[in-house]
Amino acid sequence: MARDPDPDDLPPSPVTGPTKPRLLRFLGPGLITGASDDDPSGIATYAQAGALFGYALSWTLVLTWPLMVAAQMISARIGRTTGHGIAGVLRQHYPAWLLQSVVLLLLAANILNLGADLGAMADATGHLLDAPRAVLVILFGAICIYLQMFLQYSRYVSVLKWLSLTLLSYFACAAVIQIDWAALARGILRPELRLDGAYLTTVVAVLGTTISPYLFFWQSAEEAEDLRADPRGVDLLDGPEQGPAELARIEGDTMIGMGFSNLVALAILVTAAATLHASGITDVQTSAQAALALEPIAGRFAALVFTMGIVGTGLLAVPVLAGSAAYAIGEARDWPIGLSRRPQEAKAFYATIAIATIVGVLLSLSPVNPISALYWSAVINGVAAVPLMIAMMLMASRRDIMGPFALRGTLKIVGWLATGVMAAAVAAMLIFTI
């Protein structure tokens, strides 16, 4: 019986298509996914961790990097190999109840997160402009819908890449404050595990914020989308000779994207530790509140760039949240999907994006406490992540789905380790909630 070709033994495929700057061609779904992970709700989590515990939780953002890289590489690998996102593969190979359960959990978590992010963007902007909060929430929601529905796909991706640069504002914040480098080194190199409810709950929050189901759906769907947008695009099952080059691209893109994400998160935590915690301010529950608290301590410049980062990351994250929900529902229902399609060619897909964003706007304008929304979003994300990661690991290991690109070796080990860590985090969360 003929043996399937080993991806590592295949020659690299020739580069085709128009020439682009190497970095722009190389960085794609991994960069956008990593940047969107630092959304306003994530900013609030990292700022709260730094304000409450100083530099003590810095180690979590080192620990989560290899776990994030493994999870996102596996999700990207599924999309590039099969030409379908995670929901599409679930629909084809797994029971309907599992698909429907995961998609419903994802949709609920995304809308809660989306509404909280829109509220945070409006709150942050309201400190700079004299405009009603409701008007700002609606404006930001409309901008996010427009970006996805009316921009050409290649231009839309370029916009998302440029928006990722707003995260540099947090490095600017860290550059203008006094950092206790010795305490930071201890926080990173000598992890401190405290048997304390608040401490362990914050650890769970950081894990749940960095490793979220919508990121898996988005990156796998965008790998498949890039194939649909390229007339010569072919999945790896039909073009295995492209495997070595494409897997190397996915690895580099994901490692850079997740590394950038975690460095930004560390900059936010360090900024809060060096300013808020050092000044005795430990109760910071929203990203906008963190920006306000910074001003009297670190100056108006730090507060301003912190606020700009909230708005920029929100404009990046809200379309990713709505888009990942639309991809999941669309693949689950076998609709025509894709941001490379025009709205009239994928009406249900684009309607899902618009409806999810509008519901998020309404949620942000409702009496629902934004902190509660963020909390329950984290809970649902944490719960949804475990069965999804188990399913993702199983499908990525199946040769009947992935062919010669089925998981093996170090990536498979780290992927299961990430799954185990998330399962432990959910167990801890449930214990402390009860």
Protein backbone atom coordinates (compact mmCIF):
# COMPACT_ATOMS: atom_id res chain seq x y z
CA MET A 1 0.00 0.00 0.00
CA ALA A 2 1.36 3.42 -0.95
CA ARG A 3 2.43 5.59 1.95
CA ASP A 4 1.12 9.16 2.22
CA PRO A 5 3.90 11.68 1.60
CA ASP A 6 5.53 13.13 4.69
CA PRO A 7 5.09 16.95 4.69
CA ASP A 8 8.71 17.38 5.73
CA ASP A 9 9.90 15.37 2.70
CA LEU A 10 7.96 17.40 0.14
CA PRO A 11 9.75 20.10 -1.86
CA PRO A 12 8.67 23.68 -1.28
CA SER A 13 6.11 24.96 -3.75
CA PRO A 14 7.08 27.77 -6.10
CA VAL A 15 5.93 31.26 -5.22
CA THR A 16 3.14 32.35 -7.52
CA GLY A 17 1.06 35.46 -7.83
CA PRO A 18 1.99 39.11 -7.60
CA THR A 19 5.07 40.06 -5.64
CA LYS A 20 4.42 41.71 -2.26
CA PRO A 21 6.75 43.00 0.43
CA ARG A 22 7.97 39.88 2.22
CA LEU A 23 6.73 40.86 5.68
CA LEU A 24 3.23 41.76 4.44
CA ARG A 25 3.01 38.48 2.54
CA PHE A 26 4.28 36.49 5.53
CA LEU A 27 2.13 38.01 8.30
CA GLY A 28 -1.58 37.32 8.04
CA PRO A 29 -4.23 35.54 10.12
CA GLY A 30 -1.82 34.90 13.00
CA LEU A 31 -0.94 38.58 13.41
CA ILE A 32 -4.59 39.70 13.24
CA THR A 33 -5.71 36.95 15.62
CA GLY A 34 -2.99 37.77 18.14
CA ALA A 35 -3.71 41.50 17.99
CA SER A 36 -7.46 41.00 18.42
CA ASP A 37 -6.77 38.98 21.57
CA ASP A 38 -5.75 42.24 23.28
CA ASP A 39 -9.26 43.66 23.05
CA PRO A 40 -10.71 46.12 25.62
CA SER A 41 -11.89 43.25 27.83
CA GLY A 42 -8.39 41.75 27.73
CA ILE A 43 -6.90 45.15 28.52
CA ALA A 44 -9.16 45.36 31.58
CA THR A 45 -8.04 41.90 32.72
CA TYR A 46 -4.33 42.64 32.38
CA ALA A 47 -4.69 46.07 34.00
CA GLN A 48 -6.60 44.54 36.91
CA ALA A 49 -3.95 41.83 37.32
CA GLY A 50 -1.19 44.45 37.47
CA ALA A 51 -3.11 46.80 39.75
CA LEU A 52 -4.09 44.06 42.18
CA PHE A 53 -0.89 41.98 42.35
CA GLY A 54 1.84 44.19 40.90
CA TYR A 55 4.43 42.23 38.93
CA ALA A 56 3.58 38.90 40.61
CA LEU A 57 1.47 37.59 37.70
CA SER A 58 3.96 38.46 34.94
CA TRP A 59 4.82 34.76 34.64
CA THR A 60 1.34 33.93 33.32
CA LEU A 61 2.03 35.86 30.11
CA VAL A 62 5.19 33.82 29.55
CA LEU A 63 3.37 30.54 30.26
CA THR A 64 0.48 31.27 27.94
CA TRP A 65 2.65 32.07 24.90
CA PRO A 66 3.60 28.48 23.92
CA LEU A 67 0.08 27.30 24.77
CA MET A 68 -1.48 30.01 22.57
CA VAL A 69 0.97 29.30 19.75
CA ALA A 70 0.17 25.58 19.78
CA ALA A 71 -3.61 26.07 19.88
CA GLN A 72 -3.60 28.68 17.12
CA MET A 73 -1.14 26.76 14.92
CA ILE A 74 -3.39 23.72 15.13
CA SER A 75 -6.51 25.71 14.25
CA ALA A 76 -4.70 27.39 11.33
CA ARG A 77 -3.37 24.04 10.16
CA ILE A 78 -6.93 22.63 10.06
CA GLY A 79 -8.13 25.53 7.89
CA ARG A 80 -5.18 25.46 5.48
CA THR A 81 -5.16 21.67 5.14
CA THR A 82 -8.89 21.04 4.65
CA GLY A 83 -10.03 24.34 3.15
CA HIS A 84 -12.70 24.58 5.88
CA GLY A 85 -12.90 26.29 9.25
CA ILE A 86 -13.35 24.35 12.47
CA ALA A 87 -17.17 24.46 12.27
CA GLY A 88 -17.07 23.08 8.72
CA VAL A 89 -14.91 20.13 9.77
CA LEU A 90 -17.12 19.51 12.82
CA ARG A 91 -20.19 19.47 10.56
CA GLN A 92 -18.62 16.92 8.21
CA HIS A 93 -17.10 14.53 10.75
CA TYR A 94 -18.78 14.90 14.15
CA PRO A 95 -22.27 14.61 15.70
CA ALA A 96 -24.67 17.50 15.13
CA TRP A 97 -25.20 17.99 18.89
CA LEU A 98 -21.50 18.72 19.43
CA LEU A 99 -21.41 21.22 16.56
CA GLN A 100 -24.58 23.00 17.71
CA SER A 101 -23.46 23.14 21.36
CA VAL A 102 -20.07 24.64 20.54
CA VAL A 103 -21.49 27.17 18.05
CA LEU A 104 -24.20 28.33 20.49
CA LEU A 105 -21.65 28.77 23.28
CA LEU A 106 -19.36 30.66 20.92
CA LEU A 107 -22.18 32.95 19.76
CA ALA A 108 -23.27 33.78 23.32
CA ALA A 109 -19.71 34.50 24.47
CA ASN A 110 -18.89 36.57 21.38
CA ILE A 111 -21.96 38.80 21.66
CA LEU A 112 -21.34 39.44 25.36
CA ASN A 113 -17.70 40.20 24.66
CA LEU A 114 -18.61 42.35 21.66
CA GLY A 115 -21.07 44.45 23.65
CA ALA A 116 -18.59 44.96 26.48
CA ASP A 117 -15.87 46.00 23.99
CA LEU A 118 -18.15 48.54 22.30
CA GLY A 119 -19.03 49.99 25.71
CA ALA A 120 -15.36 50.24 26.67
CA MET A 121 -14.52 52.01 23.38
CA ALA A 122 -17.34 54.50 23.94
CA ASP A 123 -16.33 55.11 27.58
CA ALA A 124 -12.71 55.69 26.59
CA THR A 125 -13.62 58.04 23.74
CA GLY A 126 -16.08 59.91 25.96
CA HIS A 127 -13.13 61.11 28.06
CA LEU A 128 -11.60 62.71 24.98
CA LEU A 129 -14.69 63.97 23.14
CA ASP A 130 -17.81 65.61 24.48
CA ALA A 131 -20.25 63.15 22.91
CA PRO A 132 -23.08 61.03 24.36
CA ARG A 133 -22.09 57.45 25.13
CA ALA A 134 -25.03 56.03 23.15
CA VAL A 135 -23.99 57.94 20.03
CA LEU A 136 -20.42 56.64 20.31
CA VAL A 137 -21.54 53.02 20.82
CA ILE A 138 -23.77 53.20 17.72
CA LEU A 139 -21.01 54.93 15.71
CA PHE A 140 -18.42 52.29 16.56
CA GLY A 141 -20.89 49.50 15.81
CA ALA A 142 -21.66 51.04 12.40
CA ILE A 143 -17.95 51.40 11.57
CA CYS A 144 -17.31 47.74 12.39
CA ILE A 145 -20.24 46.59 10.23
CA TYR A 146 -19.07 48.79 7.36
CA LEU A 147 -15.50 47.45 7.52
CA GLN A 148 -16.68 43.87 6.97
CA MET A 149 -19.57 44.40 4.58
CA PHE A 150 -18.34 47.03 2.15
CA LEU A 151 -14.53 46.86 1.99
CA GLN A 152 -12.85 44.60 -0.54
CA TYR A 153 -11.39 41.59 1.29
CA SER A 154 -7.73 42.39 0.58
CA ARG A 155 -8.25 45.99 1.69
CA TYR A 156 -10.14 44.87 4.79
CA VAL A 157 -7.25 42.60 5.81
CA SER A 158 -4.85 45.52 5.28
CA VAL A 159 -7.02 47.70 7.56
CA LEU A 160 -6.89 45.04 10.28
CA LYS A 161 -3.11 44.79 9.97
CA TRP A 162 -2.74 48.56 10.30
CA LEU A 163 -5.10 48.60 13.30
CA SER A 164 -2.84 46.08 14.99
CA LEU A 165 -0.20 48.83 15.16
CA THR A 166 -2.36 50.68 17.72
CA LEU A 167 -1.11 48.11 20.22
CA LEU A 168 2.27 49.84 20.06
CA SER A 169 0.70 52.54 22.24
CA TYR A 170 1.09 50.23 25.25
CA PHE A 171 4.83 49.99 24.66
CA ALA A 172 4.85 53.80 24.62
CA CYS A 173 3.08 53.79 28.00
CA ALA A 174 5.62 51.38 29.46
CA ALA A 175 8.47 53.52 28.09
CA VAL A 176 7.49 56.66 30.02
CA ILE A 177 7.00 55.13 33.46
CA GLN A 178 9.36 53.97 36.21
CA ILE A 179 9.52 50.15 36.15
CA ASP A 180 10.93 48.07 38.99
CA TRP A 181 12.98 45.77 36.75
CA ALA A 182 14.11 43.54 39.62
CA ALA A 183 10.50 42.92 40.69
CA LEU A 184 9.50 42.27 37.07
CA ALA A 185 12.32 39.73 36.66
CA ARG A 186 11.22 37.96 39.85
CA GLY A 187 7.62 37.92 38.62
CA ILE A 188 8.66 36.26 35.35
CA LEU A 189 11.43 33.92 36.50
CA ARG A 190 10.12 32.88 39.93
CA PRO A 191 6.40 32.12 39.55
CA GLU A 192 4.51 32.59 42.78
CA LEU A 193 1.50 30.34 43.36
CA ARG A 194 -0.74 31.59 46.14
CA LEU A 195 -3.58 29.51 47.56
CA ASP A 196 -5.78 32.57 47.52
CA GLY A 197 -9.15 32.88 45.82
CA ALA A 198 -8.56 36.31 44.26
CA TYR A 199 -5.09 35.34 43.02
CA LEU A 200 -6.18 32.02 41.46
CA THR A 201 -9.29 33.60 39.95
CA THR A 202 -7.12 36.25 38.29
CA VAL A 203 -4.83 33.52 36.92
CA VAL A 204 -7.91 31.83 35.44
CA ALA A 205 -9.07 35.16 33.99
CA VAL A 206 -5.71 35.70 32.25
CA LEU A 207 -5.79 32.17 30.80
CA GLY A 208 -9.40 32.57 29.68
CA THR A 209 -8.68 35.95 28.11
CA THR A 210 -5.64 34.78 26.14
CA ILE A 211 -6.91 31.36 24.97
CA SER A 212 -10.44 31.96 23.65
CA PRO A 213 -12.61 29.89 21.30
CA TYR A 214 -13.35 32.76 18.91
CA LEU A 215 -9.64 32.98 18.10
CA PHE A 216 -9.60 29.32 16.98
CA PHE A 217 -12.62 29.81 14.74
CA TRP A 218 -11.27 33.04 13.28
CA GLN A 219 -7.78 31.82 12.39
CA SER A 220 -8.94 28.54 10.86
CA ALA A 221 -11.66 30.34 8.91
CA GLU A 222 -9.24 33.01 7.66
CA GLU A 223 -6.79 30.39 6.41
CA ALA A 224 -9.65 28.85 4.43
CA GLU A 225 -10.82 32.32 3.35
CA ASP A 226 -7.39 33.17 1.94
CA LEU A 227 -7.70 30.09 -0.28
CA ARG A 228 -11.12 31.20 -1.56
CA ALA A 229 -9.83 34.72 -2.22
CA ASP A 230 -6.95 33.39 -4.36
CA PRO A 231 -8.13 32.00 -7.74
CA ARG A 232 -5.13 29.63 -7.67
CA GLY A 233 -5.55 28.69 -4.02
CA VAL A 234 -5.75 24.98 -3.17
CA ASP A 235 -5.93 23.22 0.19
CA LEU A 236 -3.02 21.04 1.27
CA LEU A 237 -4.96 17.81 0.81
CA ASP A 238 -5.17 18.61 -2.91
CA GLY A 239 -1.77 20.29 -3.07
CA PRO A 240 0.50 18.47 -0.58
CA GLU A 241 3.64 19.78 -2.30
CA GLN A 242 2.79 23.19 -0.81
CA GLY A 243 2.90 21.74 2.71
CA PRO A 244 6.41 22.60 3.87
CA ALA A 245 6.22 26.25 2.77
CA GLU A 246 2.68 26.76 4.08
CA LEU A 247 3.27 25.08 7.44
CA ALA A 248 6.42 27.15 7.89
CA ARG A 249 4.43 30.31 7.09
CA ILE A 250 1.71 29.35 9.59
CA GLU A 251 4.31 28.62 12.26
CA GLY A 252 6.13 31.93 11.78
CA ASP A 253 2.95 34.00 11.42
CA THR A 254 1.42 32.46 14.55
CA MET A 255 4.53 32.66 16.70
CA ILE A 256 5.01 36.34 15.79
CA GLY A 257 1.31 37.18 16.20
CA MET A 258 0.95 35.48 19.58
CA GLY A 259 4.32 36.79 20.75
CA PHE A 260 3.27 40.32 19.86
CA SER A 261 -0.03 39.76 21.68
CA ASN A 262 1.64 38.57 24.87
CA LEU A 263 4.27 41.31 24.85
CA VAL A 264 1.48 43.89 24.61
CA ALA A 265 -0.38 42.17 27.46
CA LEU A 266 2.80 42.21 29.53
CA ALA A 267 3.27 45.94 28.78
CA ILE A 268 -0.29 46.61 30.02
CA LEU A 269 0.25 44.56 33.19
CA VAL A 270 3.61 46.24 33.85
CA THR A 271 2.13 49.72 33.28
CA ALA A 272 -0.62 49.02 35.81
CA ALA A 273 1.82 47.45 38.27
CA ALA A 274 4.29 50.34 38.10
CA THR A 275 1.65 53.07 38.41
CA LEU A 276 -1.67 51.90 39.86
CA HIS A 277 -0.42 49.15 42.18
CA ALA A 278 2.52 51.27 43.31
CA SER A 279 0.07 54.07 44.22
CA GLY A 280 -2.28 51.78 46.13
CA ILE A 281 -4.99 51.67 43.41
CA THR A 282 -6.00 48.01 43.23
CA ASP A 283 -9.63 48.03 42.08
CA VAL A 284 -9.55 48.66 38.32
CA GLN A 285 -12.38 46.79 36.62
CA THR A 286 -12.56 48.32 33.14
CA SER A 287 -10.03 49.43 30.54
CA ALA A 288 -11.48 52.96 30.51
CA GLN A 289 -11.15 53.14 34.29
CA ALA A 290 -7.49 52.11 33.98
CA ALA A 291 -6.85 54.92 31.48
CA LEU A 292 -8.47 57.47 33.81
CA ALA A 293 -6.51 56.24 36.82
CA LEU A 294 -3.24 56.54 34.91
CA GLU A 295 -3.52 60.27 34.25
CA PRO A 296 -2.77 61.69 37.72
CA ILE A 297 0.05 59.16 38.21
CA ALA A 298 1.80 58.80 34.85
CA GLY A 299 0.62 61.98 33.13
CA ARG A 300 -1.82 62.88 30.38
CA PHE A 301 0.37 61.39 27.63
CA ALA A 302 0.25 57.89 29.13
CA ALA A 303 -3.50 58.16 29.70
CA LEU A 304 -4.04 59.41 26.14
CA VAL A 305 -2.08 56.65 24.41
CA PHE A 306 -3.69 54.05 26.67
CA THR A 307 -7.10 55.36 25.58
CA MET A 308 -6.11 55.36 21.89
CA GLY A 309 -5.07 51.75 22.27
CA ILE A 310 -8.50 50.84 23.69
CA VAL A 311 -10.27 52.35 20.68
CA GLY A 312 -7.87 50.83 18.14
CA THR A 313 -7.97 47.34 19.60
CA GLY A 314 -11.75 47.56 19.88
CA LEU A 315 -12.05 48.40 16.18
CA LEU A 316 -9.87 45.37 15.50
CA ALA A 317 -11.53 42.94 17.94
CA VAL A 318 -15.24 43.68 17.35
CA PRO A 319 -15.14 42.65 13.65
CA VAL A 320 -13.18 39.52 14.60
CA LEU A 321 -15.77 38.61 17.25
CA ALA A 322 -18.70 39.17 14.86
CA GLY A 323 -16.85 37.57 11.94
CA SER A 324 -15.84 34.43 13.83
CA ALA A 325 -19.47 33.96 14.92
CA ALA A 326 -20.66 34.36 11.32
CA TYR A 327 -18.07 31.88 10.03
CA ALA A 328 -19.06 29.33 12.68
CA ILE A 329 -22.81 29.64 12.07
CA GLY A 330 -22.36 29.80 8.29
CA GLU A 331 -20.23 26.66 8.14
CA ALA A 332 -22.53 24.87 10.58
CA ARG A 333 -25.53 25.70 8.33
CA ASP A 334 -23.56 25.12 5.10
CA TRP A 335 -24.22 28.66 3.84
CA PRO A 336 -22.13 30.50 1.26
CA ILE A 337 -19.63 32.28 3.50
CA GLY A 338 -16.61 34.52 3.29
CA LEU A 339 -15.54 38.13 3.52
CA SER A 340 -14.12 37.76 0.01
CA ARG A 341 -17.70 37.32 -1.25
CA ARG A 342 -19.93 40.32 -1.90
CA PRO A 343 -22.90 40.78 0.47
CA GLN A 344 -25.42 39.73 -2.19
CA GLU A 345 -23.49 36.47 -2.67
CA ALA A 346 -23.53 35.54 1.05
CA LYS A 347 -26.58 37.30 2.46
CA ALA A 348 -27.07 35.09 5.52
CA PHE A 349 -23.37 35.28 6.42
CA TYR A 350 -23.27 39.08 6.29
CA ALA A 351 -26.66 39.31 8.02
CA THR A 352 -25.17 37.31 10.92
CA ILE A 353 -22.28 39.78 11.18
CA ALA A 354 -24.68 42.73 11.22
CA ILE A 355 -27.12 41.14 13.67
CA ALA A 356 -24.36 40.05 16.08
CA THR A 357 -22.93 43.58 16.09
CA ILE A 358 -26.37 45.20 16.51
CA VAL A 359 -27.19 42.89 19.44
CA GLY A 360 -23.83 43.83 20.94
CA VAL A 361 -24.71 47.52 20.55
CA LEU A 362 -28.08 46.97 22.25
CA LEU A 363 -26.42 45.01 25.04
CA SER A 364 -23.95 47.85 25.56
CA LEU A 365 -26.83 50.36 25.75
CA SER A 366 -28.88 48.19 28.12
CA PRO A 367 -28.75 48.30 31.95
CA VAL A 368 -26.60 45.14 31.92
CA ASN A 369 -23.51 45.77 34.03
CA PRO A 370 -20.48 45.71 31.69
CA ILE A 371 -18.38 44.00 34.36
CA SER A 372 -20.96 41.22 34.62
CA ALA A 373 -20.97 40.92 30.84
CA LEU A 374 -17.20 40.53 30.78
CA TYR A 375 -17.28 38.02 33.63
CA TRP A 376 -19.93 35.80 32.03
CA SER A 377 -18.19 36.11 28.67
CA ALA A 378 -15.00 34.78 30.30
CA VAL A 379 -16.95 31.95 31.97
CA ILE A 380 -18.62 30.88 28.72
CA ASN A 381 -15.35 31.20 26.80
CA GLY A 382 -13.57 29.06 29.38
CA VAL A 383 -16.29 26.39 29.34
CA ALA A 384 -16.55 26.38 25.52
CA ALA A 385 -12.78 26.22 25.08
CA VAL A 386 -12.39 22.79 26.69
CA PRO A 387 -14.70 20.67 24.48
CA LEU A 388 -13.66 22.70 21.45
CA MET A 389 -9.95 22.15 22.10
CA ILE A 390 -10.53 18.44 22.69
CA ALA A 391 -12.47 18.20 19.40
CA MET A 392 -9.82 20.29 17.64
CA MET A 393 -7.00 18.06 18.89
CA LEU A 394 -8.88 14.91 17.87
CA MET A 395 -9.75 16.17 14.39
CA ALA A 396 -6.22 17.48 13.79
CA SER A 397 -4.83 14.05 14.71
CA ARG A 398 -7.07 12.11 12.32
CA ARG A 399 -5.44 11.03 9.07
CA ASP A 400 -8.83 10.65 7.39
CA ILE A 401 -9.33 14.40 7.93
CA MET A 402 -5.78 15.80 7.74
CA GLY A 403 -4.05 13.22 5.56
CA PRO A 404 -0.24 13.40 5.84
CA PHE A 405 -0.61 16.66 7.81
CA ALA A 406 -2.14 15.00 10.88
CA LEU A 407 -0.65 16.18 14.17
CA ARG A 408 2.38 14.47 15.62
CA GLY A 409 5.43 15.17 17.74
CA THR A 410 6.00 18.29 19.81
CA LEU A 411 3.04 20.27 18.47
CA LYS A 412 0.66 17.47 19.44
CA ILE A 413 2.15 17.23 22.95
CA VAL A 414 1.96 20.99 23.56
CA GLY A 415 -1.57 21.09 22.11
CA TRP A 416 -2.78 18.51 24.62
CA LEU A 417 -0.90 20.34 27.38
CA ALA A 418 -2.75 23.56 26.48
CA THR A 419 -6.03 21.62 26.55
CA GLY A 420 -5.20 20.21 29.99
CA VAL A 421 -4.32 23.65 31.35
CA MET A 422 -7.62 25.09 30.11
CA ALA A 423 -9.55 22.15 31.61
CA ALA A 424 -7.83 22.77 34.97
CA ALA A 425 -8.64 26.50 34.69
CA VAL A 426 -12.34 25.76 34.11
CA ALA A 427 -12.37 23.34 37.05
CA ALA A 428 -10.80 26.00 39.27
CA MET A 429 -13.26 28.60 38.02
CA LEU A 430 -16.23 26.36 38.81
CA ILE A 431 -14.85 25.53 42.26
CA PHE A 432 -14.35 29.17 43.21
CA THR A 433 -17.70 30.19 41.69
CA ILE A 434 -19.50 27.57 43.77
